[in-house]
N, C-alpha and C. Protein backbone atom coordinates (compact mmCIF):
# COMPACT_ATOMS: atom_id res chain seq x y z
N UNK A 1 23.95 39.79 -7.01
CA UNK A 1 24.74 38.17 -7.60
C UNK A 1 24.78 37.57 -6.50
N UNK A 2 24.88 37.64 -4.94
CA UNK A 2 24.98 37.62 -4.01
C UNK A 2 23.21 37.05 -3.61
N UNK A 3 22.49 37.91 -3.60
CA UNK A 3 20.73 37.31 -3.72
C UNK A 3 20.27 36.04 -4.34
N UNK A 4 20.54 36.24 -6.21
CA UNK A 4 20.97 34.50 -6.76
C UNK A 4 21.40 33.72 -5.88
N UNK A 5 22.03 33.94 -5.74
CA UNK A 5 22.78 32.52 -5.10
C UNK A 5 22.41 31.74 -3.30
N UNK A 6 21.81 32.93 -3.16
CA UNK A 6 20.93 32.74 -1.70
C UNK A 6 19.83 31.92 -2.48
N UNK A 7 19.43 32.82 -2.92
CA UNK A 7 17.99 32.12 -3.48
C UNK A 7 17.98 30.69 -4.04
N UNK A 8 19.25 30.48 -4.62
CA UNK A 8 19.54 29.72 -5.71
C UNK A 8 19.33 28.32 -4.60
N UNK A 9 20.35 28.63 -3.40
CA UNK A 9 20.33 27.47 -2.36
C UNK A 9 19.32 27.48 -1.53
N UNK A 10 18.56 28.46 -1.12
CA UNK A 10 17.30 28.20 -0.38
C UNK A 10 16.08 27.37 -1.66
N UNK A 11 16.71 27.67 -2.65
CA UNK A 11 15.59 27.23 -3.96
C UNK A 11 15.38 25.30 -3.94
N UNK A 12 17.40 25.12 -3.21
CA UNK A 12 17.51 23.98 -3.70
C UNK A 12 17.14 22.90 -2.50
N UNK A 13 17.56 23.27 -1.56
CA UNK A 13 17.49 23.35 0.20
C UNK A 13 15.60 22.71 0.25
N UNK A 14 14.64 23.70 -0.01
CA UNK A 14 13.96 23.68 -0.13
C UNK A 14 12.99 22.96 -1.20
N UNK A 15 13.47 22.66 -2.24
CA UNK A 15 13.20 20.91 -2.83
C UNK A 15 13.92 19.94 -2.46
N UNK A 16 15.07 19.28 -1.69
CA UNK A 16 15.47 18.63 -1.35
C UNK A 16 14.70 18.35 -0.19
N UNK A 17 14.25 18.85 0.17
CA UNK A 17 14.09 18.79 1.85
C UNK A 17 11.52 18.36 0.93
N UNK A 18 11.28 19.17 0.62
CA UNK A 18 9.90 18.69 0.28
C UNK A 18 10.03 16.57 -0.47
N UNK A 19 11.29 16.72 -1.69
CA UNK A 19 11.09 15.55 -1.68
C UNK A 19 11.39 15.00 -0.81
N UNK A 20 12.51 14.89 -0.15
CA UNK A 20 12.54 14.03 1.54
C UNK A 20 11.17 13.67 1.89
N UNK A 21 10.25 14.15 2.23
CA UNK A 21 8.95 14.84 3.30
C UNK A 21 8.29 13.61 1.89
N UNK A 22 8.15 13.45 0.72
CA UNK A 22 7.19 12.72 -0.01
C UNK A 22 7.27 11.15 -0.65
N UNK A 23 8.87 10.87 0.12
CA UNK A 23 8.98 10.07 -0.07
C UNK A 23 8.00 8.91 0.57
N UNK A 24 8.05 7.72 0.26
CA UNK A 24 7.16 6.69 1.17
C UNK A 24 8.69 5.58 2.15
N UNK A 25 8.24 5.94 3.29
CA UNK A 25 9.33 4.88 4.15
C UNK A 25 9.85 3.62 4.22
N UNK A 26 11.03 2.95 3.72
CA UNK A 26 10.86 1.81 3.68
C UNK A 26 9.88 1.06 4.53
N UNK A 27 9.30 -0.17 4.05
CA UNK A 27 8.46 -1.02 4.88
C UNK A 27 8.33 -2.11 5.04
N UNK A 28 10.05 -2.89 5.82
CA UNK A 28 10.30 -3.67 5.47
C UNK A 28 9.15 -4.93 6.01
N UNK A 29 9.55 -5.58 5.41
CA UNK A 29 8.62 -7.11 5.50
C UNK A 29 10.28 -8.73 6.09
N UNK A 30 9.44 -8.75 6.72
CA UNK A 30 10.44 -10.30 7.87
C UNK A 30 10.96 -11.69 6.06
N UNK A 31 12.04 -11.90 6.14
CA UNK A 31 12.13 -13.09 5.57
C UNK A 31 11.66 -13.70 5.26
N UNK A 32 11.09 -14.55 6.83
CA UNK A 32 10.36 -15.32 6.14
C UNK A 32 8.68 -15.49 6.10
N UNK A 33 8.17 -13.80 6.47
CA UNK A 33 6.77 -14.00 6.33
C UNK A 33 7.07 -13.37 4.44
N UNK A 34 8.36 -12.83 3.67
CA UNK A 34 8.19 -12.94 2.10
C UNK A 34 7.87 -13.69 1.55
N UNK A 35 8.52 -14.89 2.03
CA UNK A 35 8.70 -15.49 1.20
C UNK A 35 6.75 -16.93 1.13
N UNK A 36 6.78 -16.30 2.07
CA UNK A 36 5.60 -16.92 2.20
C UNK A 36 4.40 -17.41 0.37
N UNK A 37 4.70 -18.48 0.41
CA UNK A 37 3.96 -18.45 -1.15
C UNK A 37 2.32 -18.33 -0.82
N UNK A 38 0.99 -17.54 -1.45
CA UNK A 38 -0.22 -18.25 -1.50
C UNK A 38 -0.99 -19.29 -1.21
N UNK A 39 -1.82 -20.17 -0.61
CA UNK A 39 -1.45 -21.09 -0.57
C UNK A 39 -3.31 -21.28 -1.90
N UNK A 40 -3.88 -19.55 -1.99
CA UNK A 40 -5.61 -19.58 -2.49
C UNK A 40 -5.41 -19.54 -3.76
N UNK A 41 -5.88 -20.80 -4.86
CA UNK A 41 -5.44 -19.54 -6.09
C UNK A 41 -5.84 -18.74 -6.94
N UNK A 42 -5.29 -17.90 -7.38
CA UNK A 42 -6.18 -16.27 -8.26
C UNK A 42 -6.97 -17.00 -8.92
N UNK A 43 -8.15 -17.41 -8.51
CA UNK A 43 -9.71 -18.10 -9.42
C UNK A 43 -10.26 -16.86 -9.37
N UNK A 44 -11.58 -16.67 -10.16
CA UNK A 44 -12.35 -16.22 -10.20
C UNK A 44 -13.01 -15.42 -8.68
N UNK A 45 -13.10 -17.40 -8.05
CA UNK A 45 -14.05 -16.85 -6.90
C UNK A 45 -13.00 -16.20 -5.80
N UNK A 46 -12.24 -16.31 -5.39
CA UNK A 46 -10.96 -15.46 -4.86
C UNK A 46 -10.85 -14.47 -4.70
N UNK A 47 -10.82 -13.97 -6.03
CA UNK A 47 -10.91 -12.14 -6.95
C UNK A 47 -12.06 -11.75 -6.08
N UNK A 48 -12.99 -12.71 -6.12
CA UNK A 48 -14.46 -11.83 -5.72
C UNK A 48 -14.79 -11.66 -4.36
N UNK A 49 -14.03 -13.00 -3.87
CA UNK A 49 -14.17 -12.83 -2.55
C UNK A 49 -13.21 -11.87 -2.32
N UNK A 50 -12.28 -11.19 -2.16
CA UNK A 50 -11.27 -10.61 -1.48
C UNK A 50 -11.51 -9.22 -2.34
N UNK A 51 -12.37 -8.51 -3.10
CA UNK A 51 -13.05 -7.27 -3.80
C UNK A 51 -13.81 -6.90 -2.71
N UNK A 52 -15.28 -8.39 -2.30
CA UNK A 52 -16.00 -8.20 -1.23
C UNK A 52 -15.47 -7.63 -0.10
N UNK A 53 -13.99 -8.29 0.36
CA UNK A 53 -13.34 -8.00 1.46
C UNK A 53 -12.77 -5.60 1.66
N UNK A 54 -12.12 -6.80 0.20
CA UNK A 54 -11.53 -5.19 -0.25
C UNK A 54 -12.37 -3.65 -0.11
N UNK A 55 -14.09 -3.55 -0.69
CA UNK A 55 -14.80 -2.70 -0.79
C UNK A 55 -15.50 -2.33 1.18
N UNK A 56 -15.17 -3.26 1.65
CA UNK A 56 -15.45 -3.31 2.96
C UNK A 56 -14.39 -2.98 3.63
N UNK A 57 -13.39 -3.47 3.29
CA UNK A 57 -12.51 -2.55 4.40
C UNK A 57 -10.84 -1.50 4.03
N UNK A 58 -11.18 -1.97 2.43
CA UNK A 58 -10.00 -0.80 2.04
C UNK A 58 -10.03 0.69 1.18
N UNK A 59 -11.16 -0.13 0.06
CA UNK A 59 -11.58 1.39 -0.81
C UNK A 59 -11.52 2.54 -0.13
N UNK A 60 -12.52 2.50 1.55
CA UNK A 60 -12.25 4.13 1.62
C UNK A 60 -10.89 5.06 2.05
N UNK A 61 -9.79 4.35 1.71
CA UNK A 61 -8.25 4.72 1.67
C UNK A 61 -8.32 4.39 0.81
N UNK A 62 -8.04 3.52 -0.02
CA UNK A 62 -7.34 2.70 -1.13
C UNK A 62 -7.96 3.13 -2.66
N UNK A 63 -9.39 3.47 -2.31
CA UNK A 63 -9.90 3.86 -3.52
C UNK A 63 -10.89 2.43 -3.76
N UNK A 64 -11.54 2.80 -5.25
CA UNK A 64 -12.11 1.84 -5.67
C UNK A 64 -11.34 0.86 -6.85
N UNK A 65 -10.93 2.03 -7.25
CA UNK A 65 -9.48 0.52 -8.02
C UNK A 65 -7.69 0.93 -7.31
N UNK A 66 -7.71 1.22 -6.95
CA UNK A 66 -6.24 1.12 -5.61
C UNK A 66 -5.66 2.04 -5.88
N UNK A 67 -5.50 3.24 -6.79
CA UNK A 67 -5.24 4.55 -6.44
C UNK A 67 -4.87 5.05 -5.65
N UNK A 68 -5.08 5.08 -4.24
CA UNK A 68 -5.03 5.57 -3.02
C UNK A 68 -5.40 6.95 -2.66
N UNK A 69 -7.37 6.66 -3.61
CA UNK A 69 -7.65 7.68 -3.84
C UNK A 69 -9.33 7.90 -2.75
N UNK A 70 -9.06 7.19 -2.54
CA UNK A 70 -10.54 6.59 -0.76
C UNK A 70 -10.56 7.90 -0.67
N UNK A 71 -12.11 8.15 -0.10
CA UNK A 71 -12.56 9.63 0.83
C UNK A 71 -11.62 9.90 1.97
N UNK A 72 -10.97 8.82 2.47
CA UNK A 72 -10.70 9.13 3.71
C UNK A 72 -8.86 9.51 3.11
N UNK A 73 -8.61 9.37 2.19
CA UNK A 73 -6.73 9.01 2.01
C UNK A 73 -6.41 10.19 2.23
N UNK A 74 -7.10 11.54 2.39
CA UNK A 74 -6.68 13.21 2.35
C UNK A 74 -6.24 13.20 3.49
N UNK A 75 -7.14 12.16 4.67
CA UNK A 75 -6.80 12.99 6.34
C UNK A 75 -5.57 11.69 6.80
N UNK A 76 -5.09 11.45 6.09
CA UNK A 76 -4.06 10.22 6.41
C UNK A 76 -2.75 11.03 6.17
N UNK A 77 -2.04 10.50 7.08
CA UNK A 77 -0.33 11.34 7.13
C UNK A 77 0.47 10.90 6.26
N UNK A 78 -0.20 10.15 5.48
CA UNK A 78 0.90 8.99 3.93
C UNK A 78 -0.36 8.94 3.47
N UNK A 79 0.10 9.10 1.92
CA UNK A 79 -0.49 9.19 0.77
C UNK A 79 -0.91 7.45 0.38
N UNK A 80 -2.15 6.91 0.62
CA UNK A 80 -1.57 5.46 0.36
C UNK A 80 -1.10 5.35 -1.40
N UNK A 81 -0.13 3.96 -1.35
CA UNK A 81 0.65 3.64 -1.99
C UNK A 81 -0.25 3.46 -3.42
N UNK A 82 -0.75 3.53 -5.33
CA UNK A 82 -0.86 3.08 -5.50
C UNK A 82 -0.99 1.96 -6.62
N UNK A 83 -1.83 1.05 -6.03
CA UNK A 83 -1.67 -0.35 -5.94
C UNK A 83 -1.39 -1.29 -7.27
N UNK A 84 -1.41 -0.30 -8.32
CA UNK A 84 -1.23 -1.29 -9.79
C UNK A 84 0.34 -0.84 -10.23
N UNK A 85 0.78 0.71 -9.03
CA UNK A 85 2.16 0.86 -9.63
C UNK A 85 3.10 -0.28 -9.35
N UNK A 86 4.63 -1.22 -10.08
CA UNK A 86 5.20 -1.59 -9.66
C UNK A 86 5.72 -1.95 -8.13
N UNK A 87 5.91 -0.99 -7.98
CA UNK A 87 6.08 -1.28 -6.29
C UNK A 87 5.18 -1.24 -5.09
N UNK A 88 3.92 -1.72 -5.70
CA UNK A 88 3.21 -2.93 -5.08
C UNK A 88 2.59 -4.00 -5.76
N UNK A 89 2.79 -4.39 -7.15
CA UNK A 89 2.81 -5.73 -7.61
C UNK A 89 4.38 -5.90 -7.66
N UNK A 90 5.81 -5.56 -7.85
CA UNK A 90 6.28 -6.59 -7.25
C UNK A 90 6.76 -6.81 -6.15
N UNK A 91 6.05 -6.90 -4.89
CA UNK A 91 6.61 -7.10 -3.76
C UNK A 91 5.50 -8.61 -4.03
N UNK A 92 6.23 -9.78 -3.26
CA UNK A 92 5.67 -11.18 -3.12
C UNK A 92 4.11 -10.49 -2.49
N UNK A 93 3.45 -12.12 -2.70
CA UNK A 93 2.04 -11.84 -1.94
C UNK A 93 2.48 -12.39 -0.14
N UNK A 94 3.43 -13.05 0.14
CA UNK A 94 4.33 -12.82 1.89
C UNK A 94 3.63 -11.58 1.94
N UNK A 95 4.44 -10.86 1.99
CA UNK A 95 5.06 -9.46 1.94
C UNK A 95 3.37 -8.83 2.15
N UNK A 96 2.52 -8.94 1.42
CA UNK A 96 0.97 -8.07 0.82
C UNK A 96 0.67 -8.91 1.78
N UNK A 97 0.75 -9.97 2.37
CA UNK A 97 0.03 -10.55 3.14
C UNK A 97 -0.25 -10.23 4.52
N UNK A 98 2.08 -10.18 5.19
CA UNK A 98 2.53 -9.57 5.83
C UNK A 98 1.41 -7.75 6.24
N UNK A 99 1.70 -7.00 5.62
CA UNK A 99 0.98 -5.28 5.53
C UNK A 99 0.19 -5.71 5.59
N UNK A 100 -1.65 -6.74 5.64
CA UNK A 100 -2.59 -6.50 6.32
C UNK A 100 -3.24 -6.90 7.15
N UNK A 101 -2.28 -8.21 7.36
CA UNK A 101 -2.57 -8.54 8.57
C UNK A 101 -1.88 -7.76 9.77
N UNK A 102 -0.66 -6.73 9.90
CA UNK A 102 -0.21 -6.50 10.66
C UNK A 102 0.04 -5.07 11.00
N UNK A 103 0.11 -3.83 9.49
CA UNK A 103 -0.98 -2.37 9.34
C UNK A 103 0.87 -1.75 9.93
N UNK A 104 0.22 -0.84 9.71
CA UNK A 104 1.66 0.12 10.45
C UNK A 104 0.85 2.04 10.43
N UNK A 105 1.61 2.79 11.59
CA UNK A 105 1.46 4.14 10.92
C UNK A 105 -0.06 3.99 10.96
N UNK A 106 -0.45 4.87 9.16
CA UNK A 106 -2.17 5.18 9.40
C UNK A 106 -2.37 3.64 8.69
N UNK A 107 -1.77 2.99 8.55
CA UNK A 107 -2.78 1.32 7.68
C UNK A 107 -2.80 0.75 9.11
N UNK A 108 -4.53 0.34 9.15
CA UNK A 108 -4.55 -0.31 10.59
C UNK A 108 -4.40 -2.35 10.66
N UNK A 109 -3.82 -2.57 11.34
CA UNK A 109 -3.51 -3.97 10.77
C UNK A 109 -5.12 -4.82 11.26
N UNK A 110 -5.20 -5.96 10.13
CA UNK A 110 -6.02 -6.48 10.29
C UNK A 110 -6.47 -7.69 11.06
N UNK A 111 -5.56 -8.25 11.09
CA UNK A 111 -5.59 -9.66 11.80
C UNK A 111 -6.61 -9.98 12.37
N UNK A 112 -7.12 -8.74 13.16
CA UNK A 112 -7.90 -9.33 14.12
C UNK A 112 -9.53 -8.86 13.00
N UNK A 113 -9.63 -7.60 12.28
CA UNK A 113 -10.67 -7.46 11.95
C UNK A 113 -11.23 -8.62 10.95
N UNK A 114 -9.95 -8.99 10.29
CA UNK A 114 -10.27 -10.64 8.70
C UNK A 114 -9.49 -11.53 10.27
N UNK A 115 -10.05 -12.51 10.88
CA UNK A 115 -9.30 -13.60 11.34
C UNK A 115 -9.09 -14.23 10.37
N UNK A 116 -10.12 -14.44 9.24
CA UNK A 116 -9.52 -15.83 8.60
C UNK A 116 -8.11 -15.74 7.60
N UNK A 117 -7.06 -16.06 7.75
CA UNK A 117 -6.19 -15.81 7.03
C UNK A 117 -6.74 -16.05 4.96
N UNK A 118 -7.62 -17.29 5.32
CA UNK A 118 -8.01 -17.55 3.23
C UNK A 118 -8.33 -16.21 3.27
N UNK A 119 -9.07 -15.57 4.64
CA UNK A 119 -9.55 -13.94 4.26
C UNK A 119 -8.67 -12.90 3.33
N UNK A 120 -7.45 -12.73 4.03
CA UNK A 120 -6.59 -11.76 3.40
C UNK A 120 -5.59 -12.88 2.32
N UNK A 121 -5.89 -13.78 2.11
CA UNK A 121 -5.26 -14.43 0.56
C UNK A 121 -5.34 -14.08 -0.48
N UNK A 122 -7.52 -14.32 -0.28
CA UNK A 122 -7.85 -13.58 -1.03
C UNK A 122 -8.18 -12.41 -0.78
N UNK A 123 -7.49 -11.46 -0.61
CA UNK A 123 -7.61 -9.82 -0.69
C UNK A 123 -6.14 -9.27 -1.33
N UNK A 124 -5.42 -10.68 -1.04
CA UNK A 124 -4.12 -10.32 -2.06
C UNK A 124 -4.39 -10.91 -3.60
N UNK A 125 -5.05 -11.44 -3.72
CA UNK A 125 -5.37 -12.22 -5.11
C UNK A 125 -6.09 -10.77 -5.59
N UNK A 126 -6.86 -10.10 -5.08
CA UNK A 126 -7.45 -8.84 -5.30
C UNK A 126 -7.23 -7.57 -6.18
N UNK A 127 -6.02 -7.73 -4.94
CA UNK A 127 -4.58 -6.68 -5.01
C UNK A 127 -3.99 -6.51 -6.56
N UNK A 128 -3.17 -7.62 -7.10
CA UNK A 128 -3.24 -8.98 -8.12
C UNK A 128 -3.45 -7.98 -8.76
N UNK A 129 -5.11 -8.50 -9.27
CA UNK A 129 -5.93 -8.35 -10.05
C UNK A 129 -5.65 -6.82 -10.86
N UNK A 130 -5.40 -6.17 -9.95
CA UNK A 130 -5.16 -4.50 -10.42
C UNK A 130 -4.87 -4.09 -10.90
N UNK A 131 -3.63 -4.17 -11.58
CA UNK A 131 -2.85 -4.61 -12.27
C UNK A 131 -3.23 -4.86 -13.59
N UNK A 132 -4.32 -4.95 -13.84
CA UNK A 132 -4.61 -5.08 -15.36
C UNK A 132 -5.36 -4.28 -15.76
């Protein structure tokens, strides 16, 4: 009976520890950035421009459809989020813009690679199209 209790406690510990490691760490965005509205209309031209940038800069990690299954995803310390999920789609446009521009950990900052802010907003519009 003692061995079963120890094994049960060990199993609970391993599961709890594993769950902790797979949880993405919070990525706070300053309120002033999160509240910035997207100045670019999400029309076909913008989404198309965003898709071109996505293929060039994002799909290797985030995948063609934003599922986080790009060819480089397995090499990262953190699994890229599935962009179709509410956890991503529920973020403000300003938050997505901030995260693309500033980066964090495995996610590079794109404010120098994509210096035209309009292009980053086009990427945000493309990301929004992934939920469909």
